[in-house]
Protein backbone atom coordinates (compact mmCIF):
# COMPACT_ATOMS: atom_id res chain seq x y z
CA MET A 1 0.01 0.00 0.00
CA ALA A 2 2.72 2.49 0.94
CA LEU A 3 4.52 1.85 -2.36
CA ARG A 4 1.37 2.61 -4.35
CA ARG A 5 0.71 5.73 -2.29
CA HIS A 6 4.16 7.15 -3.05
CA GLN A 7 4.61 5.73 -6.54
CA HIS A 8 3.97 9.15 -8.15
CA ASN A 9 6.84 10.70 -6.16
CA TYR A 10 9.18 7.84 -7.10
CA ARG A 11 8.28 8.10 -10.81
CA ALA A 12 8.65 11.91 -10.76
CA ALA A 13 12.04 11.69 -8.98
CA ARG A 14 13.31 9.15 -11.49
CA GLU A 15 12.22 11.31 -14.45
CA LEU A 16 13.73 14.44 -12.92
CA ARG A 17 17.07 12.74 -12.45
CA ARG A 18 17.07 11.70 -16.10
CA ASN A 19 15.91 14.94 -17.65
CA SER A 20 16.47 17.74 -15.18
CA GLY A 21 18.57 19.91 -17.58
CA GLY A 22 21.11 20.55 -14.81
CA ILE A 23 18.55 21.50 -12.17
CA LYS A 24 19.50 20.01 -8.82
CA LEU A 25 16.62 18.79 -6.74
CA ARG A 26 16.63 17.28 -3.29
CA LYS A 27 14.04 14.60 -2.57
CA GLN A 28 12.28 14.56 0.86
CA HIS A 29 14.07 17.72 2.03
CA PRO A 30 13.48 18.91 5.65
CA VAL A 31 12.58 22.54 6.16
CA GLY A 32 11.92 23.40 9.81
CA PRO A 33 9.20 21.03 11.11
CA TYR A 34 8.20 19.96 7.56
CA VAL A 35 9.53 17.69 4.84
CA VAL A 36 8.91 18.77 1.24
CA ASP A 37 8.66 16.28 -1.58
CA PHE A 38 11.26 18.05 -3.78
CA TYR A 39 13.40 21.12 -3.11
CA CYS A 40 15.51 23.26 -5.42
CA ALA A 41 17.89 25.25 -3.23
CA GLU A 42 19.07 27.49 -6.04
CA ALA A 43 15.51 28.52 -6.87
CA LYS A 44 14.30 28.37 -3.24
CA LEU A 45 11.40 26.33 -4.56
CA ALA A 46 9.50 23.48 -2.88
CA ILE A 47 7.49 21.11 -5.09
CA GLU A 48 4.74 19.14 -3.51
CA ILE A 49 3.04 16.24 -5.25
CA ASP A 50 -0.40 16.08 -3.75
CA GLY A 51 -2.68 13.06 -3.76
CA ILE A 52 -6.46 13.34 -3.30
CA VAL A 53 -6.13 13.34 0.52
CA HIS A 54 -4.91 16.97 0.27
CA ASP A 55 -8.40 17.98 -0.73
CA MET A 56 -10.12 16.30 2.25
CA GLY A 57 -10.85 17.16 5.85
CA GLU A 58 -8.49 19.56 7.52
CA ARG A 59 -5.68 18.82 5.06
CA PRO A 60 -6.21 21.99 2.97
CA GLU A 61 -5.87 24.14 6.11
CA LEU A 62 -2.75 22.26 7.21
CA ASP A 63 -1.25 22.65 3.73
CA ALA A 64 -2.01 26.39 3.82
CA ARG A 65 -0.20 26.73 7.20
CA ARG A 66 2.76 24.74 5.81
CA ASP A 67 2.90 26.91 2.71
CA ALA A 68 2.77 30.09 4.84
CA PHE A 69 5.67 28.85 6.98
CA LEU A 70 7.72 28.00 3.91
CA ARG A 71 7.10 31.50 2.49
CA THR A 72 8.44 32.98 5.77
CA GLN A 73 11.59 31.02 4.96
CA GLY A 74 11.78 32.61 1.48
CA ILE A 75 10.61 29.38 -0.19
CA GLU A 76 7.89 29.42 -2.83
CA VAL A 77 5.69 26.32 -3.03
CA VAL A 78 4.33 24.70 -6.19
CA ARG A 79 1.67 22.06 -5.70
CA ILE A 80 1.11 19.49 -8.42
CA PRO A 81 -1.77 17.03 -8.26
CA ALA A 82 -0.62 13.44 -8.28
CA SER A 83 -3.11 12.79 -11.09
CA GLU A 84 -1.05 15.04 -13.35
CA VAL A 85 2.10 13.10 -12.54
CA LEU A 86 0.34 9.83 -13.33
CA LYS A 87 -0.98 11.26 -16.63
CA SER A 88 2.52 12.20 -17.79
CA VAL A 89 5.57 11.94 -15.62
CA LYS A 90 7.73 13.35 -18.38
CA ASP A 91 5.61 16.49 -18.84
CA THR A 92 5.45 17.01 -15.06
CA ALA A 93 9.28 16.68 -14.75
CA GLU A 94 9.73 19.15 -17.62
CA ALA A 95 7.31 21.63 -15.96
CA ILE A 96 9.15 21.32 -12.63
CA ALA A 97 12.55 21.89 -14.27
CA ALA A 98 11.16 24.91 -16.20
CA CYS A 99 9.71 26.35 -13.03
CA CYS A 100 13.08 26.02 -11.28
CA ARG A 101 14.91 27.59 -14.22
CA GLU A 102 12.48 30.50 -14.29
CA ARG A 103 13.00 31.20 -10.59
CA CYS A 104 16.77 31.06 -11.00
CA ALA A 105 16.76 33.59 -13.90
């Protein structure tokens, strides 16, 4: 079960390593009390791959607090639905790399 739940992160990480265009991303990077899915230090960008649970219960409020904390650290957050990763890992990896390059420019 845990493997299926995190499969989208694994697939995205694998594709990013292959086709990052020189962008350096850290996987499961700690920032204060939180751990972000991917982090580009040069761009000060956190990338979160969100499954459907992020739309349920109190999760949206918790995500908003987390994003606010990260912004106080100078880190911008990009949230990508896991469904987008599952549709096209390659397109998602390219979009993440482009976003990092844009923030570094």
